[in-house]
N, C-alpha and C. Protein backbone atom coordinates (compact mmCIF):
# COMPACT_ATOMS: atom_id res chain seq x y z
N MET A 1 9.28 10.26 -2.77
CA MET A 1 9.45 9.71 -4.07
C MET A 1 8.50 9.94 -5.18
N ASN A 2 9.06 10.65 -6.04
CA ASN A 2 8.01 10.74 -7.49
C ASN A 2 8.32 9.71 -8.47
N TYR A 3 7.40 8.89 -8.72
CA TYR A 3 7.41 7.77 -9.80
C TYR A 3 7.12 8.33 -10.97
N TYR A 4 6.75 9.12 -11.08
CA TYR A 4 6.05 9.86 -12.69
C TYR A 4 6.86 10.03 -13.52
N ASP A 5 8.42 10.28 -13.31
CA ASP A 5 9.70 10.67 -13.96
C ASP A 5 10.43 9.49 -13.54
N PRO A 6 10.38 8.36 -13.95
CA PRO A 6 10.98 7.15 -13.22
C PRO A 6 12.76 7.43 -13.88
N GLY A 7 12.72 7.82 -15.09
CA GLY A 7 14.10 7.48 -15.48
C GLY A 7 14.33 6.20 -16.23
N VAL A 8 12.88 5.46 -16.36
CA VAL A 8 13.07 3.77 -17.06
C VAL A 8 13.79 4.03 -18.31
N SER A 9 14.49 3.03 -18.65
CA SER A 9 15.24 3.17 -20.19
C SER A 9 14.17 2.87 -20.64
N ARG A 10 14.17 3.12 -22.23
CA ARG A 10 13.55 3.14 -23.29
C ARG A 10 13.39 1.60 -23.64
N GLU A 11 14.60 0.97 -23.42
CA GLU A 11 14.25 -0.80 -23.61
C GLU A 11 13.64 -1.04 -22.82
N GLU A 12 13.00 -0.80 -21.42
CA GLU A 12 12.66 -1.47 -20.76
C GLU A 12 10.85 -1.24 -20.73
N ILE A 13 10.35 -0.40 -21.78
CA ILE A 13 9.34 -0.34 -21.95
C ILE A 13 9.04 -0.33 -23.33
N ILE A 14 7.78 -1.46 -23.50
CA ILE A 14 7.26 -1.15 -24.85
C ILE A 14 5.99 -0.81 -24.87
N HIS A 15 5.54 -0.60 -26.15
CA HIS A 15 3.67 -0.17 -26.20
C HIS A 15 2.90 -1.32 -25.69
N PRO A 16 1.96 -0.62 -24.69
CA PRO A 16 1.43 -1.69 -24.26
C PRO A 16 0.53 -2.18 -24.75
N ARG A 17 0.19 -1.41 -26.04
CA ARG A 17 -1.20 -1.96 -26.85
C ARG A 17 -1.14 -2.95 -27.70
N ILE A 18 -0.68 -4.18 -27.60
CA ILE A 18 -0.16 -5.00 -28.49
C ILE A 18 -1.30 -5.80 -29.24
N ARG A 19 -2.21 -5.74 -28.23
CA ARG A 19 -3.78 -6.36 -28.88
C ARG A 19 -4.16 -5.77 -30.04
N GLY A 20 -5.03 -6.26 -31.03
CA GLY A 20 -5.49 -5.76 -31.79
C GLY A 20 -4.59 -4.87 -32.94
N ASP A 21 -3.30 -5.33 -32.74
CA ASP A 21 -2.73 -4.32 -33.72
C ASP A 21 -2.64 -4.86 -35.23
N PRO A 22 -3.55 -4.44 -36.10
CA PRO A 22 -3.40 -4.58 -37.35
C PRO A 22 -2.20 -4.96 -38.21
N ILE A 23 -1.37 -4.66 -37.79
CA ILE A 23 0.14 -5.02 -38.65
C ILE A 23 0.52 -6.62 -38.15
N SER A 24 0.97 -7.38 -38.59
CA SER A 24 1.47 -8.57 -38.41
C SER A 24 2.92 -8.98 -38.93
N LYS A 25 4.18 -9.81 -38.40
CA LYS A 25 4.93 -10.06 -38.86
C LYS A 25 5.03 -11.00 -38.98
N VAL A 26 5.64 -12.33 -39.46
CA VAL A 26 6.07 -13.76 -39.81
C VAL A 26 7.04 -13.68 -38.97
N ILE A 27 7.09 -14.50 -38.34
CA ILE A 27 8.60 -15.13 -36.86
C ILE A 27 8.36 -16.64 -37.19
N GLU A 28 9.45 -17.10 -37.37
CA GLU A 28 9.59 -18.61 -37.33
C GLU A 28 10.27 -19.02 -35.99
N THR A 29 10.29 -20.24 -35.42
CA THR A 29 10.61 -20.56 -34.80
C THR A 29 10.80 -22.24 -34.63
N GLU A 30 11.36 -22.91 -34.00
CA GLU A 30 11.52 -24.45 -33.82
C GLU A 30 11.04 -24.64 -32.41
N LEU A 31 10.52 -26.20 -32.78
CA LEU A 31 9.72 -26.23 -31.61
C LEU A 31 9.97 -28.07 -31.48
N ARG A 32 9.90 -28.75 -29.84
CA ARG A 32 10.19 -29.74 -30.02
C ARG A 32 8.89 -30.77 -30.28
N GLU A 33 9.07 -31.68 -31.09
CA GLU A 33 8.03 -32.63 -31.75
C GLU A 33 6.74 -32.69 -30.85
N TYR A 34 6.88 -32.74 -29.82
CA TYR A 34 6.23 -33.24 -28.36
C TYR A 34 5.10 -31.89 -28.12
N THR A 35 5.84 -30.57 -28.33
CA THR A 35 5.03 -29.25 -28.28
C THR A 35 4.19 -28.96 -29.57
N ALA A 36 5.39 -29.34 -30.69
CA ALA A 36 4.25 -28.98 -31.77
C ALA A 36 2.96 -30.06 -31.87
N GLY A 37 3.08 -31.05 -31.53
CA GLY A 37 1.94 -32.09 -31.24
C GLY A 37 0.73 -31.62 -30.45
N ILE A 38 1.00 -30.80 -29.46
CA ILE A 38 0.16 -30.50 -28.39
C ILE A 38 -0.83 -28.92 -29.55
N ILE A 39 0.40 -28.54 -29.74
CA ILE A 39 -0.74 -27.15 -30.67
C ILE A 39 -0.95 -27.61 -32.17
N ASP A 40 -0.32 -28.79 -32.81
CA ASP A 40 -1.75 -29.31 -33.78
C ASP A 40 -2.88 -29.66 -32.88
N GLU A 41 -2.78 -30.41 -31.69
CA GLU A 41 -4.17 -30.83 -31.19
C GLU A 41 -4.81 -29.69 -30.74
N LEU A 42 -4.55 -28.76 -29.82
CA LEU A 42 -5.21 -27.98 -29.17
C LEU A 42 -5.97 -26.75 -30.75
N ALA A 43 -4.72 -26.74 -31.51
CA ALA A 43 -5.69 -26.02 -33.02
C ALA A 43 -7.00 -26.69 -33.37
N GLU A 44 -6.77 -28.08 -33.66
CA GLU A 44 -7.75 -28.92 -33.76
C GLU A 44 -9.20 -28.75 -32.83
N ASP A 45 -8.64 -28.80 -31.93
CA ASP A 45 -9.87 -28.69 -30.54
C ASP A 45 -10.95 -27.51 -30.83
N PHE A 46 -9.57 -26.16 -31.03
CA PHE A 46 -10.13 -24.87 -31.31
C PHE A 46 -11.06 -24.32 -32.50
N HIS A 47 -10.84 -25.44 -33.35
CA HIS A 47 -11.14 -25.34 -34.93
C HIS A 47 -10.66 -23.76 -35.61
N ILE A 48 -9.45 -23.70 -35.09
CA ILE A 48 -8.40 -22.43 -35.72
C ILE A 48 -6.95 -22.94 -36.31
N GLY A 49 -6.41 -22.23 -37.26
CA GLY A 49 -5.35 -23.00 -37.75
C GLY A 49 -4.06 -22.64 -36.64
N ARG A 50 -2.99 -23.64 -36.85
CA ARG A 50 -1.91 -23.61 -36.29
C ARG A 50 -1.09 -21.83 -35.79
N SER A 51 -1.02 -21.66 -37.14
CA SER A 51 -0.36 -20.10 -36.75
C SER A 51 -1.61 -19.06 -35.86
N ALA A 52 -3.20 -19.22 -35.90
CA ALA A 52 -3.50 -18.39 -35.28
C ALA A 52 -3.45 -19.14 -33.92
N LEU A 53 -3.54 -20.05 -33.41
CA LEU A 53 -3.03 -20.22 -31.76
C LEU A 53 -1.78 -20.45 -31.58
N LEU A 54 -0.76 -20.37 -32.05
CA LEU A 54 0.12 -19.72 -31.78
C LEU A 54 0.47 -18.29 -31.80
N ALA A 55 -0.32 -17.17 -32.57
CA ALA A 55 -0.46 -16.18 -32.10
C ALA A 55 -1.45 -15.47 -31.06
N ARG A 56 -2.01 -16.55 -30.58
CA ARG A 56 -2.61 -16.33 -29.60
C ARG A 56 -2.18 -16.57 -28.11
N ILE A 57 -1.57 -17.44 -28.37
CA ILE A 57 -0.43 -18.02 -27.23
C ILE A 57 0.92 -17.13 -26.84
N ILE A 58 1.26 -16.48 -28.08
CA ILE A 58 2.52 -15.66 -28.12
C ILE A 58 1.68 -14.29 -27.35
N GLU A 59 0.39 -13.83 -27.78
CA GLU A 59 0.27 -12.53 -27.37
C GLU A 59 -0.50 -12.71 -25.88
N ASP A 60 -0.65 -13.70 -25.91
CA ASP A 60 -1.03 -13.88 -24.00
C ASP A 60 0.11 -13.99 -23.33
N GLY A 61 1.32 -14.58 -23.66
CA GLY A 61 2.48 -14.84 -22.90
C GLY A 61 3.00 -13.25 -23.10
N VAL A 62 3.57 -12.52 -24.02
CA VAL A 62 3.69 -11.39 -24.12
C VAL A 62 2.91 -10.38 -23.43
N HIS A 63 1.83 -10.27 -22.98
CA HIS A 63 0.90 -9.77 -21.88
C HIS A 63 1.17 -9.94 -20.38
N ALA A 64 1.46 -11.41 -20.16
CA ALA A 64 1.80 -11.59 -19.01
C ALA A 64 3.36 -11.07 -18.61
N GLU A 65 3.81 -11.40 -19.61
CA GLU A 65 5.15 -10.80 -19.39
C GLU A 65 5.67 -9.08 -19.22
N LEU A 66 4.60 -8.42 -19.82
CA LEU A 66 4.26 -7.04 -19.51
C LEU A 66 3.83 -6.66 -17.99
N VAL A 67 2.96 -7.90 -17.89
CA VAL A 67 2.46 -7.18 -16.33
C VAL A 67 3.41 -7.73 -15.18
N LYS A 68 4.31 -8.62 -15.76
CA LYS A 68 5.39 -8.96 -14.59
C LYS A 68 6.64 -8.29 -14.33
N ARG A 69 6.63 -7.62 -15.66
CA ARG A 69 7.49 -6.54 -16.09
C ARG A 69 7.37 -5.46 -15.08
N SER A 70 6.16 -5.00 -15.41
CA SER A 70 5.57 -3.79 -14.23
C SER A 70 5.31 -3.96 -13.29
N VAL A 71 5.21 -5.03 -12.36
CA VAL A 71 4.93 -5.24 -11.07
C VAL A 71 6.44 -5.13 -10.76
N ARG A 72 7.40 -5.35 -11.50
CA ARG A 72 8.87 -5.54 -11.18
C ARG A 72 8.94 -4.02 -11.11
N LEU A 73 8.78 -3.33 -11.75
CA LEU A 73 9.67 -1.94 -11.90
C LEU A 73 8.79 -0.79 -10.91
N TYR A 74 7.30 -1.48 -10.17
CA TYR A 74 6.87 -1.22 -9.17
C TYR A 74 7.44 -1.14 -7.66
N ALA A 75 7.82 -2.51 -8.17
CA ALA A 75 8.54 -3.28 -6.52
C ALA A 75 9.82 -2.29 -6.40
N ASP A 76 10.29 -2.49 -7.50
CA ASP A 76 11.64 -1.41 -7.63
C ASP A 76 11.55 0.19 -7.28
N ARG A 77 10.31 0.43 -6.93
CA ARG A 77 9.81 1.92 -7.34
C ARG A 77 10.62 2.88 -8.36
N LYS A 78 10.56 2.33 -9.60
CA LYS A 78 10.71 2.66 -10.37
C LYS A 78 9.46 3.52 -11.18
N VAL A 79 8.72 2.87 -10.80
CA VAL A 79 6.97 3.71 -11.55
C VAL A 79 6.05 3.74 -10.30
N SER A 80 5.16 4.43 -10.70
CA SER A 80 4.10 4.58 -10.05
C SER A 80 3.04 3.20 -10.10
N MET A 81 1.81 3.31 -9.49
CA MET A 81 0.93 1.84 -9.91
C MET A 81 0.51 2.09 -10.86
N TRP A 82 -0.20 3.55 -11.40
CA TRP A 82 -1.12 3.78 -12.35
C TRP A 82 0.09 3.96 -13.74
N LYS A 83 1.53 4.25 -13.87
CA LYS A 83 2.35 4.11 -14.55
C LYS A 83 2.71 2.57 -14.87
N ALA A 84 2.49 1.91 -13.68
CA ALA A 84 2.78 0.03 -13.99
C ALA A 84 1.69 -0.83 -14.73
N ALA A 85 0.64 0.37 -14.30
CA ALA A 85 -0.89 -0.29 -14.92
C ALA A 85 -0.81 -0.07 -16.61
N MET A 86 -0.63 1.16 -16.50
CA MET A 86 -0.18 2.25 -18.42
C MET A 86 0.74 0.76 -19.04
N LEU A 87 1.85 0.77 -18.36
CA LEU A 87 2.94 0.32 -19.41
C LEU A 87 2.14 -1.55 -19.41
N ALA A 88 1.65 -1.74 -18.87
CA ALA A 88 1.14 -3.15 -18.74
C ALA A 88 0.03 -3.43 -19.69
N GLY A 89 -0.64 -2.33 -19.92
CA GLY A 89 -2.03 -2.13 -20.93
C GLY A 89 -2.74 -2.88 -19.61
N VAL A 90 -3.46 -2.80 -18.37
CA VAL A 90 -4.02 -3.03 -18.02
C VAL A 90 -4.99 -1.96 -16.59
N SER A 91 -5.77 -2.16 -16.05
CA SER A 91 -6.60 -0.91 -15.43
C SER A 91 -5.68 -1.10 -14.03
N PHE A 92 -5.97 0.32 -13.61
CA PHE A 92 -5.23 0.27 -12.34
C PHE A 92 -5.79 -0.75 -11.09
N TYR A 93 -7.02 -1.17 -11.41
CA TYR A 93 -7.42 -2.21 -10.20
C TYR A 93 -6.83 -3.19 -10.74
N GLU A 94 -6.59 -3.83 -11.80
CA GLU A 94 -5.97 -5.20 -12.25
C GLU A 94 -4.66 -5.19 -11.64
N MET A 95 -3.72 -4.17 -11.98
CA MET A 95 -2.48 -3.97 -11.53
C MET A 95 -2.56 -3.80 -10.21
N MET A 96 -3.47 -3.05 -9.22
CA MET A 96 -3.51 -3.40 -7.72
C MET A 96 -3.38 -4.85 -7.39
N ALA A 97 -4.51 -5.60 -8.12
CA ALA A 97 -4.54 -7.24 -7.90
C ALA A 97 -3.31 -7.82 -8.31
N GLU A 98 -2.46 -7.72 -9.19
CA GLU A 98 -1.35 -8.10 -9.49
C GLU A 98 -0.43 -7.86 -8.69
N ILE A 99 -0.68 -6.70 -8.35
CA ILE A 99 0.77 -6.59 -7.17
C ILE A 99 0.57 -6.82 -5.71
N LYS A 100 -0.81 -7.34 -5.48
CA LYS A 100 -0.97 -7.82 -4.37
C LYS A 100 -0.67 -9.56 -4.17
N ARG A 101 -0.89 -9.91 -5.44
CA ARG A 101 -0.90 -11.53 -6.05
C ARG A 101 0.59 -11.83 -6.03
N HIS A 102 1.15 -10.94 -6.43
CA HIS A 102 3.04 -10.97 -6.65
C HIS A 102 3.33 -10.99 -4.88
N GLY A 103 2.79 -10.52 -3.74
CA GLY A 103 3.22 -10.22 -2.73
C GLY A 103 4.05 -9.12 -2.56
N VAL A 104 3.90 -7.73 -3.41
CA VAL A 104 4.53 -6.73 -3.51
C VAL A 104 3.63 -5.82 -2.51
N PRO A 105 4.35 -5.43 -1.11
CA PRO A 105 3.64 -4.24 -0.60
C PRO A 105 3.42 -2.86 -1.44
N LEU A 106 2.16 -2.73 -0.91
CA LEU A 106 1.76 -0.82 -1.52
C LEU A 106 3.10 -0.17 -0.93
N GLN A 107 3.41 0.93 -2.02
CA GLN A 107 4.19 1.97 -1.90
C GLN A 107 3.44 3.28 -2.16
N TYR A 108 2.22 3.70 -1.16
CA TYR A 108 1.87 4.90 -1.17
C TYR A 108 1.75 6.03 -0.50
N GLY A 109 2.35 6.84 -0.60
CA GLY A 109 2.51 8.29 0.43
C GLY A 109 1.88 9.33 -0.44
N VAL A 110 1.99 10.30 0.79
CA VAL A 110 1.54 11.96 0.24
C VAL A 110 2.06 12.23 -1.30
N GLU A 111 3.17 12.45 -1.44
CA GLU A 111 3.75 12.62 -2.53
C GLU A 111 2.76 11.70 -3.91
N ASP A 112 2.79 10.47 -3.51
CA ASP A 112 2.17 9.88 -4.61
C ASP A 112 0.85 10.17 -4.89
N PHE A 113 0.15 10.33 -3.90
CA PHE A 113 -1.22 10.68 -4.04
C PHE A 113 -1.16 12.23 -4.85
N GLU A 114 -0.52 13.15 -4.20
CA GLU A 114 -0.61 13.97 -5.34
C GLU A 114 0.08 14.33 -6.40
N ALA A 115 0.75 13.17 -6.94
CA ALA A 115 1.30 13.02 -8.07
C ALA A 115 0.14 12.43 -9.26
N ASP A 116 -0.74 11.76 -8.17
CA ASP A 116 -1.94 10.92 -8.78
C ASP A 116 -2.92 11.99 -9.21
N VAL A 117 -2.94 13.00 -8.22
CA VAL A 117 -4.40 14.07 -8.73
C VAL A 117 -3.48 14.93 -9.77
N LYS A 118 -2.62 15.38 -9.81
CA LYS A 118 -1.74 15.54 -11.04
C LYS A 118 -2.20 14.77 -12.23
N THR A 119 -1.93 13.63 -12.25
CA THR A 119 -1.92 13.49 -13.03
C THR A 119 -3.15 13.04 -14.10
N LEU A 120 -4.24 12.95 -12.99
CA LEU A 120 -6.02 12.86 -13.15
C LEU A 120 -6.22 14.10 -14.04
N ARG A 121 -5.88 14.85 -12.90
CA ARG A 121 -6.49 16.63 -13.49
C ARG A 121 -5.68 16.74 -15.41
N LYS A 122 -4.53 16.31 -15.48
CA LYS A 122 -4.11 16.86 -16.58
C LYS A 122 -4.83 15.49 -17.83
N LEU A 123 -5.23 14.45 -17.40
CA LEU A 123 -5.70 13.46 -18.36
C LEU A 123 -7.44 13.99 -18.61
N LYS A 124 -8.07 14.51 -17.68
CA LYS A 124 -9.39 14.81 -17.53
C LYS A 124 -9.30 16.51 -18.84
N SER A 125 -8.09 17.18 -18.26
CA SER A 125 -8.07 18.42 -19.34
C SER A 125 -8.11 17.75 -20.94
N SER A 126 -7.63 16.77 -20.93
CA SER A 126 -6.83 16.15 -22.37
C SER A 126 -8.31 15.71 -23.09
N ILE A 127 -9.39 15.11 -22.11
CA ILE A 127 -11.00 14.70 -22.97
C ILE A 127 -11.37 15.44 -23.59
């Protein structure tokens, strides 16, 4: 089974490089008083503004969700481990650790190895 052309819908994939994006967008939300109080306390502890703290929390959460989704796509045999790592914006080895942490068995056969070699050659030639 070749996982490199998975037929994964575009809606399932967003660009993995969310960190460091210089473009920002204002998003409003409502929080419970208790949660807002914790946000204020944490912002004060870290000596940063509430907005900066919320942006950090949201970016960390989005990254975690990208990793979870990539693990799910790998577990469902829709993508290879390499592709899962790329979609999550993590290294191959970090994805390997996440897959193991989630108890997903490795899905790697001869066809997968050949596809990985092909991809590595393609990447090498583009450098």
